[in-house]
């Protein structure tokens, strides 16, 4: 089953948007029954980096979001709003 992942980044509210992205990553990872370490291994990054994406609002590149969408079987729609 493919789930949708919609990421809307507001130019004037970057931190809130990053927190929303982190929440989406966490929820999708849990639905896929993966640990942060398992997701990190599939993405070729470290578990602490996955943790930072999910909990600290660390910026995620489009490339990493694309990999996350592929691993978690998500449709990825990224939009930018000013």
PDB file of N, CA and C in Angstrom:
ATOM      1  N   UNK A   1       0.842  -1.180   0.000  1.00  0.00           N
ATOM      2  CA  UNK A   1       0.000   0.000   0.000  1.00  0.00           C
ATOM      3  C   UNK A   1       0.883   1.237   0.000  1.00  0.00           C
ATOM      4  N   UNK A   2       0.653   2.128  -0.932  1.00  0.00           N
ATOM      5  CA  UNK A   2       1.420   3.358  -1.028  1.00  0.00           C
ATOM      6  C   UNK A   2       0.709   4.438  -0.236  1.00  0.00           C
ATOM      7  N   UNK A   3       1.456   5.096   0.636  1.00  0.00           N
ATOM      8  CA  UNK A   3       0.926   6.198   1.430  1.00  0.00           C
ATOM      9  C   UNK A   3       1.431   7.497   0.832  1.00  0.00           C
ATOM     10  N   UNK A   4       0.722   8.566   1.047  1.00  0.00           N
ATOM     11  CA  UNK A   4       1.153   9.860   0.544  1.00  0.00           C
ATOM     12  C   UNK A   4       1.926  10.613   1.605  1.00  0.00           C
ATOM     13  N   UNK A   5       2.971  11.291   1.191  1.00  0.00           N
ATOM     14  CA  UNK A   5       3.751  12.143   2.083  1.00  0.00           C
ATOM     15  C   UNK A   5       3.777  13.520   1.434  1.00  0.00           C
ATOM     16  N   UNK A   6       3.116  14.455   2.028  1.00  0.00           N
ATOM     17  CA  UNK A   6       3.055  15.803   1.483  1.00  0.00           C
ATOM     18  C   UNK A   6       3.897  16.724   2.352  1.00  0.00           C
ATOM     19  N   UNK A   7       4.836  17.404   1.731  1.00  0.00           N
ATOM     20  CA  UNK A   7       5.709  18.316   2.445  1.00  0.00           C
ATOM     21  C   UNK A   7       5.506  19.708   1.861  1.00  0.00           C
ATOM     22  N   UNK A   8       4.987  20.604   2.650  1.00  0.00           N
ATOM     23  CA  UNK A   8       4.797  21.981   2.224  1.00  0.00           C
ATOM     24  C   UNK A   8       5.688  22.866   3.084  1.00  0.00           C
ATOM     25  N   UNK A   9       6.640  23.499   2.466  1.00  0.00           N
ATOM     26  CA  UNK A   9       7.584  24.343   3.187  1.00  0.00           C
ATOM     27  C   UNK A   9       7.191  25.796   2.971  1.00  0.00           C
ATOM     28  N   UNK A  10       6.912  26.475   4.054  1.00  0.00           N
ATOM     29  CA  UNK A  10       6.590  27.902   3.994  1.00  0.00           C
ATOM     30  C   UNK A  10       7.878  28.691   4.167  1.00  0.00           C
ATOM     31  N   UNK A  11       8.109  29.622   3.286  1.00  0.00           N
ATOM     32  CA  UNK A  11       9.349  30.392   3.308  1.00  0.00           C
ATOM     33  C   UNK A  11       9.525  31.150   4.618  1.00  0.00           C
ATOM     34  N   UNK A  12       8.436  31.571   5.239  1.00  0.00           N
ATOM     35  CA  UNK A  12       8.553  32.385   6.448  1.00  0.00           C
ATOM     36  C   UNK A  12       8.425  31.575   7.732  1.00  0.00           C
ATOM     37  N   UNK A  13       8.296  30.276   7.632  1.00  0.00           N
ATOM     38  CA  UNK A  13       8.098  29.455   8.815  1.00  0.00           C
ATOM     39  C   UNK A  13       8.860  28.140   8.682  1.00  0.00           C
ATOM     40  N   UNK A  14      10.148  28.228   8.388  1.00  0.00           N
ATOM     41  CA  UNK A  14      10.965  27.059   8.082  1.00  0.00           C
ATOM     42  C   UNK A  14      11.030  26.068   9.232  1.00  0.00           C
ATOM     43  N   UNK A  15      11.196  26.527  10.468  1.00  0.00           N
ATOM     44  CA  UNK A  15      11.350  25.607  11.590  1.00  0.00           C
ATOM     45  C   UNK A  15      10.111  24.749  11.793  1.00  0.00           C
ATOM     46  N   UNK A  16       8.939  25.362  11.743  1.00  0.00           N
ATOM     47  CA  UNK A  16       7.701  24.611  11.894  1.00  0.00           C
ATOM     48  C   UNK A  16       7.561  23.576  10.791  1.00  0.00           C
ATOM     49  N   UNK A  17       7.891  23.941   9.564  1.00  0.00           N
ATOM     50  CA  UNK A  17       7.801  23.018   8.442  1.00  0.00           C
ATOM     51  C   UNK A  17       8.748  21.850   8.628  1.00  0.00           C
ATOM     52  N   UNK A  18       9.957  22.102   9.107  1.00  0.00           N
ATOM     53  CA  UNK A  18      10.913  21.020   9.341  1.00  0.00           C
ATOM     54  C   UNK A  18      10.423  20.082  10.426  1.00  0.00           C
ATOM     55  N   UNK A  19       9.778  20.619  11.440  1.00  0.00           N
ATOM     56  CA  UNK A  19       9.212  19.772  12.486  1.00  0.00           C
ATOM     57  C   UNK A  19       8.094  18.903  11.921  1.00  0.00           C
ATOM     58  N   UNK A  20       7.292  19.451  11.006  1.00  0.00           N
ATOM     59  CA  UNK A  20       6.231  18.673  10.375  1.00  0.00           C
ATOM     60  C   UNK A  20       6.816  17.561   9.518  1.00  0.00           C
ATOM     61  N   UNK A  21       7.903  17.842   8.807  1.00  0.00           N
ATOM     62  CA  UNK A  21       8.578  16.823   8.007  1.00  0.00           C
ATOM     63  C   UNK A  21       9.081  15.713   8.921  1.00  0.00           C
ATOM     64  N   UNK A  22       9.696  16.085  10.029  1.00  0.00           N
ATOM     65  CA  UNK A  22      10.191  15.100  10.985  1.00  0.00           C
ATOM     66  C   UNK A  22       9.078  14.212  11.512  1.00  0.00           C
ATOM     67  N   UNK A  23       7.940  14.812  11.797  1.00  0.00           N
ATOM     68  CA  UNK A  23       6.791  14.050  12.295  1.00  0.00           C
ATOM     69  C   UNK A  23       6.304  13.065  11.233  1.00  0.00           C
ATOM     70  N   UNK A  24       6.265  13.505   9.990  1.00  0.00           N
ATOM     71  CA  UNK A  24       5.845  12.619   8.905  1.00  0.00           C
ATOM     72  C   UNK A  24       6.813  11.454   8.732  1.00  0.00           C
ATOM     73  N   UNK A  25       8.110  11.733   8.842  1.00  0.00           N
ATOM     74  CA  UNK A  25       9.105  10.670   8.724  1.00  0.00           C
ATOM     75  C   UNK A  25       8.916   9.653   9.841  1.00  0.00           C
ATOM     76  N   UNK A  26       8.783  10.147  11.066  1.00  0.00           N
ATOM     77  CA  UNK A  26       8.615   9.253  12.216  1.00  0.00           C
ATOM     78  C   UNK A  26       7.356   8.390  12.077  1.00  0.00           C
ATOM     79  N   UNK A  27       6.224   9.018  11.764  1.00  0.00           N
ATOM     80  CA  UNK A  27       4.964   8.282  11.641  1.00  0.00           C
ATOM     81  C   UNK A  27       5.056   7.225  10.536  1.00  0.00           C
ATOM     82  N   UNK A  28       5.661   7.582   9.423  1.00  0.00           N
ATOM     83  CA  UNK A  28       5.793   6.644   8.306  1.00  0.00           C
ATOM     84  C   UNK A  28       6.739   5.501   8.647  1.00  0.00           C
ATOM     85  N   UNK A  29       7.814   5.814   9.352  1.00  0.00           N
ATOM     86  CA  UNK A  29       8.776   4.785   9.761  1.00  0.00           C
ATOM     87  C   UNK A  29       8.107   3.793  10.709  1.00  0.00           C
ATOM     88  N   UNK A  30       7.346   4.310  11.671  1.00  0.00           N
ATOM     89  CA  UNK A  30       6.663   3.440  12.627  1.00  0.00           C
ATOM     90  C   UNK A  30       5.616   2.566  11.930  1.00  0.00           C
ATOM     91  N   UNK A  31       4.896   3.128  10.962  1.00  0.00           N
ATOM     92  CA  UNK A  31       3.912   2.342  10.208  1.00  0.00           C
ATOM     93  C   UNK A  31       4.594   1.222   9.440  1.00  0.00           C
ATOM     94  N   UNK A  32       5.830   1.469   9.004  1.00  0.00           N
ATOM     95  CA  UNK A  32       6.597   0.458   8.275  1.00  0.00           C
ATOM     96  C   UNK A  32       7.268  -0.530   9.228  1.00  0.00           C
ATOM     97  N   UNK A  33       7.090  -0.319  10.519  1.00  0.00           N
ATOM     98  CA  UNK A  33       7.656  -1.184  11.561  1.00  0.00           C
ATOM     99  C   UNK A  33       9.184  -1.254  11.468  1.00  0.00           C
ATOM    100  N   UNK A  34       9.799  -0.085  11.308  1.00  0.00           N
ATOM    101  CA  UNK A  34      11.261   0.023  11.254  1.00  0.00           C
ATOM    102  C   UNK A  34      11.767   0.843  12.432  1.00  0.00           C
ATOM    103  N   UNK A  35      12.927   0.470  12.937  1.00  0.00           N
ATOM    104  CA  UNK A  35      13.601   1.311  13.928  1.00  0.00           C
ATOM    105  C   UNK A  35      14.344   2.415  13.191  1.00  0.00           C
ATOM    106  N   UNK A  36      14.796   3.407  13.937  1.00  0.00           N
ATOM    107  CA  UNK A  36      15.609   4.459  13.318  1.00  0.00           C
ATOM    108  C   UNK A  36      16.872   3.862  12.713  1.00  0.00           C
ATOM    109  N   UNK A  37      17.457   2.893  13.407  1.00  0.00           N
ATOM    110  CA  UNK A  37      18.680   2.253  12.913  1.00  0.00           C
ATOM    111  C   UNK A  37      18.418   1.513  11.602  1.00  0.00           C
ATOM    112  N   UNK A  38      17.312   0.799  11.536  1.00  0.00           N
ATOM    113  CA  UNK A  38      16.979   0.062  10.309  1.00  0.00           C
ATOM    114  C   UNK A  38      16.730   1.007   9.137  1.00  0.00           C
ATOM    115  N   UNK A  39      15.997   2.098   9.395  1.00  0.00           N
ATOM    116  CA  UNK A  39      15.765   3.078   8.334  1.00  0.00           C
ATOM    117  C   UNK A  39      17.081   3.698   7.895  1.00  0.00           C
ATOM    118  N   UNK A  40      17.913   4.041   8.848  1.00  0.00           N
ATOM    119  CA  UNK A  40      19.213   4.640   8.533  1.00  0.00           C
ATOM    120  C   UNK A  40      20.043   3.723   7.641  1.00  0.00           C
ATOM    121  N   UNK A  41      20.060   2.442   7.961  1.00  0.00           N
ATOM    122  CA  UNK A  41      20.820   1.480   7.153  1.00  0.00           C
ATOM    123  C   UNK A  41      20.296   1.432   5.733  1.00  0.00           C
ATOM    124  N   UNK A  42      18.990   1.453   5.566  1.00  0.00           N
ATOM    125  CA  UNK A  42      18.397   1.419   4.236  1.00  0.00           C
ATOM    126  C   UNK A  42      18.690   2.689   3.447  1.00  0.00           C
ATOM    127  N   UNK A  43      18.865   3.807   4.166  1.00  0.00           N
ATOM    128  CA  UNK A  43      19.137   5.093   3.520  1.00  0.00           C
ATOM    129  C   UNK A  43      20.623   5.354   3.318  1.00  0.00           C
ATOM    130  N   UNK A  44      21.460   4.583   4.009  1.00  0.00           N
ATOM    131  CA  UNK A  44      22.901   4.812   3.928  1.00  0.00           C
ATOM    132  C   UNK A  44      23.360   6.015   4.730  1.00  0.00           C
ATOM    133  N   UNK A  45      22.635   6.286   5.835  1.00  0.00           N
ATOM    134  CA  UNK A  45      23.000   7.382   6.734  1.00  0.00           C
ATOM    135  C   UNK A  45      23.057   6.826   8.151  1.00  0.00           C
ATOM    136  N   UNK A  46      23.406   7.656   9.119  1.00  0.00           N
ATOM    137  CA  UNK A  46      23.514   7.191  10.499  1.00  0.00           C
ATOM    138  C   UNK A  46      22.164   7.287  11.217  1.00  0.00           C
ATOM    139  N   UNK A  47      21.992   6.446  12.228  1.00  0.00           N
ATOM    140  CA  UNK A  47      20.783   6.491  13.050  1.00  0.00           C
ATOM    141  C   UNK A  47      20.619   7.839  13.759  1.00  0.00           C
ATOM    142  N   UNK A  48      21.729   8.440  14.273  1.00  0.00           N
ATOM    143  CA  UNK A  48      21.567   9.767  14.883  1.00  0.00           C
ATOM    144  C   UNK A  48      21.048  10.821  13.895  1.00  0.00           C
ATOM    145  N   UNK A  49      21.380  10.667  12.612  1.00  0.00           N
ATOM    146  CA  UNK A  49      20.867  11.611  11.615  1.00  0.00           C
ATOM    147  C   UNK A  49      19.359  11.434  11.453  1.00  0.00           C
ATOM    148  N   UNK A  50      18.886  10.201  11.397  1.00  0.00           N
ATOM    149  CA  UNK A  50      17.444   9.942  11.323  1.00  0.00           C
ATOM    150  C   UNK A  50      16.765  10.538  12.555  1.00  0.00           C
ATOM    151  N   UNK A  51      17.372  10.351  13.709  1.00  0.00           N
ATOM    152  CA  UNK A  51      16.824  10.907  14.947  1.00  0.00           C
ATOM    153  C   UNK A  51      16.717  12.429  14.858  1.00  0.00           C
ATOM    154  N   UNK A  52      17.736  13.065  14.317  1.00  0.00           N
ATOM    155  CA  UNK A  52      17.720  14.530  14.177  1.00  0.00           C
ATOM    156  C   UNK A  52      16.620  14.971  13.215  1.00  0.00           C
ATOM    157  N   UNK A  53      16.437  14.233  12.112  1.00  0.00           N
ATOM    158  CA  UNK A  53      15.350  14.567  11.185  1.00  0.00           C
ATOM    159  C   UNK A  53      14.007  14.497  11.898  1.00  0.00           C
ATOM    160  N   UNK A  54      13.806  13.434  12.675  1.00  0.00           N
ATOM    161  CA  UNK A  54      12.518  13.208  13.316  1.00  0.00           C
ATOM    162  C   UNK A  54      12.259  14.126  14.503  1.00  0.00           C
ATOM    163  N   UNK A  55      13.279  14.423  15.287  1.00  0.00           N
ATOM    164  CA  UNK A  55      13.051  15.094  16.570  1.00  0.00           C
ATOM    165  C   UNK A  55      13.584  16.511  16.686  1.00  0.00           C
ATOM    166  N   UNK A  56      14.578  16.864  15.909  1.00  0.00           N
ATOM    167  CA  UNK A  56      15.206  18.174  16.087  1.00  0.00           C
ATOM    168  C   UNK A  56      14.924  19.159  14.966  1.00  0.00           C
ATOM    169  N   UNK A  57      14.131  18.747  13.996  1.00  0.00           N
ATOM    170  CA  UNK A  57      13.834  19.648  12.892  1.00  0.00           C
ATOM    171  C   UNK A  57      15.027  19.924  12.005  1.00  0.00           C
ATOM    172  N   UNK A  58      15.942  18.948  11.899  1.00  0.00           N
ATOM    173  CA  UNK A  58      17.110  19.137  11.034  1.00  0.00           C
ATOM    174  C   UNK A  58      16.666  19.134   9.574  1.00  0.00           C
ATOM    175  N   UNK A  59      17.261  19.994   8.774  1.00  0.00           N
ATOM    176  CA  UNK A  59      16.920  20.071   7.361  1.00  0.00           C
ATOM    177  C   UNK A  59      17.201  18.745   6.668  1.00  0.00           C
ATOM    178  N   UNK A  60      16.296  18.378   5.778  1.00  0.00           N
ATOM    179  CA  UNK A  60      16.411  17.155   4.997  1.00  0.00           C
ATOM    180  C   UNK A  60      16.482  17.566   3.534  1.00  0.00           C
ATOM    181  N   UNK A  61      17.473  17.050   2.821  1.00  0.00           N
ATOM    182  CA  UNK A  61      17.582  17.387   1.400  1.00  0.00           C
ATOM    183  C   UNK A  61      16.488  16.672   0.606  1.00  0.00           C
ATOM    184  N   UNK A  62      16.212  17.183  -0.571  1.00  0.00           N
ATOM    185  CA  UNK A  62      15.241  16.554  -1.455  1.00  0.00           C
ATOM    186  C   UNK A  62      15.687  15.130  -1.788  1.00  0.00           C
ATOM    187  N   UNK A  63      16.992  14.946  -1.962  1.00  0.00           N
ATOM    188  CA  UNK A  63      17.515  13.617  -2.273  1.00  0.00           C
ATOM    189  C   UNK A  63      17.209  12.621  -1.159  1.00  0.00           C
ATOM    190  N   UNK A  64      17.421  13.041   0.088  1.00  0.00           N
ATOM    191  CA  UNK A  64      17.144  12.156   1.226  1.00  0.00           C
ATOM    192  C   UNK A  64      15.638  11.929   1.357  1.00  0.00           C
ATOM    193  N   UNK A  65      14.835  12.966   1.161  1.00  0.00           N
ATOM    194  CA  UNK A  65      13.378  12.790   1.206  1.00  0.00           C
ATOM    195  C   UNK A  65      12.925  11.795   0.144  1.00  0.00           C
ATOM    196  N   UNK A  66      13.534  11.864  -1.013  1.00  0.00           N
ATOM    197  CA  UNK A  66      13.204  10.942  -2.091  1.00  0.00           C
ATOM    198  C   UNK A  66      13.550   9.511  -1.692  1.00  0.00           C
ATOM    199  N   UNK A  67      14.713   9.309  -1.070  1.00  0.00           N
ATOM    200  CA  UNK A  67      15.105   7.982  -0.599  1.00  0.00           C
ATOM    201  C   UNK A  67      14.150   7.483   0.480  1.00  0.00           C
ATOM    202  N   UNK A  68      13.791   8.372   1.406  1.00  0.00           N
ATOM    203  CA  UNK A  68      12.858   8.009   2.472  1.00  0.00           C
ATOM    204  C   UNK A  68      11.531   7.565   1.865  1.00  0.00           C
ATOM    205  N   UNK A  69      11.039   8.327   0.894  1.00  0.00           N
ATOM    206  CA  UNK A  69       9.775   7.984   0.243  1.00  0.00           C
ATOM    207  C   UNK A  69       9.864   6.620  -0.426  1.00  0.00           C
ATOM    208  N   UNK A  70      10.984   6.341  -1.067  1.00  0.00           N
ATOM    209  CA  UNK A  70      11.160   5.048  -1.737  1.00  0.00           C
ATOM    210  C   UNK A  70      11.188   3.907  -0.718  1.00  0.00           C
ATOM    211  N   UNK A  71      11.991   4.059   0.326  1.00  0.00           N
ATOM    212  CA  UNK A  71      12.136   2.996   1.340  1.00  0.00           C
ATOM    213  C   UNK A  71      10.820   2.740   2.070  1.00  0.00           C
ATOM    214  N   UNK A  72      10.086   3.806   2.363  1.00  0.00           N
ATOM    215  CA  UNK A  72       8.846   3.671   3.129  1.00  0.00           C
ATOM    216  C   UNK A  72       7.617   3.537   2.238  1.00  0.00           C
ATOM    217  N   UNK A  73       7.833   3.407   0.924  1.00  0.00           N
ATOM    218  CA  UNK A  73       6.755   3.230  -0.042  1.00  0.00           C
ATOM    219  C   UNK A  73       5.735   4.360   0.044  1.00  0.00           C
ATOM    220  N   UNK A  74       6.246   5.588  -0.075  1.00  0.00           N
ATOM    221  CA  UNK A  74       5.419   6.783   0.009  1.00  0.00           C
ATOM    222  C   UNK A  74       5.415   7.521  -1.318  1.00  0.00           C
ATOM    223  N   UNK A  75       4.313   8.161  -1.628  1.00  0.00           N
ATOM    224  CA  UNK A  75       4.292   9.132  -2.710  1.00  0.00           C
ATOM    225  C   UNK A  75       4.786  10.433  -2.107  1.00  0.00           C
ATOM    226  N   UNK A  76       5.702  11.090  -2.755  1.00  0.00           N
ATOM    227  CA  UNK A  76       6.289  12.315  -2.213  1.00  0.00           C
ATOM    228  C   UNK A  76       5.870  13.503  -3.056  1.00  0.00           C
ATOM    229  N   UNK A  77       5.266  14.476  -2.413  1.00  0.00           N
ATOM    230  CA  UNK A  77       4.891  15.725  -3.048  1.00  0.00           C
ATOM    231  C   UNK A  77       5.501  16.839  -2.228  1.00  0.00           C
ATOM    232  N   UNK A  78       6.384  17.593  -2.831  1.00  0.00           N
ATOM    233  CA  UNK A  78       7.064  18.681  -2.132  1.00  0.00           C
ATOM    234  C   UNK A  78       6.621  19.994  -2.762  1.00  0.00           C
ATOM    235  N   UNK A  79       6.195  20.920  -1.929  1.00  0.00           N
ATOM    236  CA  UNK A  79       5.770  22.230  -2.410  1.00  0.00           C
ATOM    237  C   UNK A  79       6.412  23.328  -1.599  1.00  0.00           C
ATOM    238  N   UNK A  80       6.538  24.460  -2.218  1.00  0.00           N
ATOM    239  CA  UNK A  80       7.113  25.625  -1.535  1.00  0.00           C
ATOM    240  C   UNK A  80       6.108  26.754  -1.598  1.00  0.00           C
ATOM    241  N   UNK A  81       5.853  27.360  -0.470  1.00  0.00           N
ATOM    242  CA  UNK A  81       4.874  28.438  -0.388  1.00  0.00           C
ATOM    243  C   UNK A  81       5.558  29.663   0.199  1.00  0.00           C
ATOM    244  N   UNK A  82       5.280  30.812  -0.370  1.00  0.00           N
ATOM    245  CA  UNK A  82       5.862  32.053   0.159  1.00  0.00           C
ATOM    246  C   UNK A  82       4.832  32.811   0.950  1.00  0.00           C
TER     247      UNK A  82
END
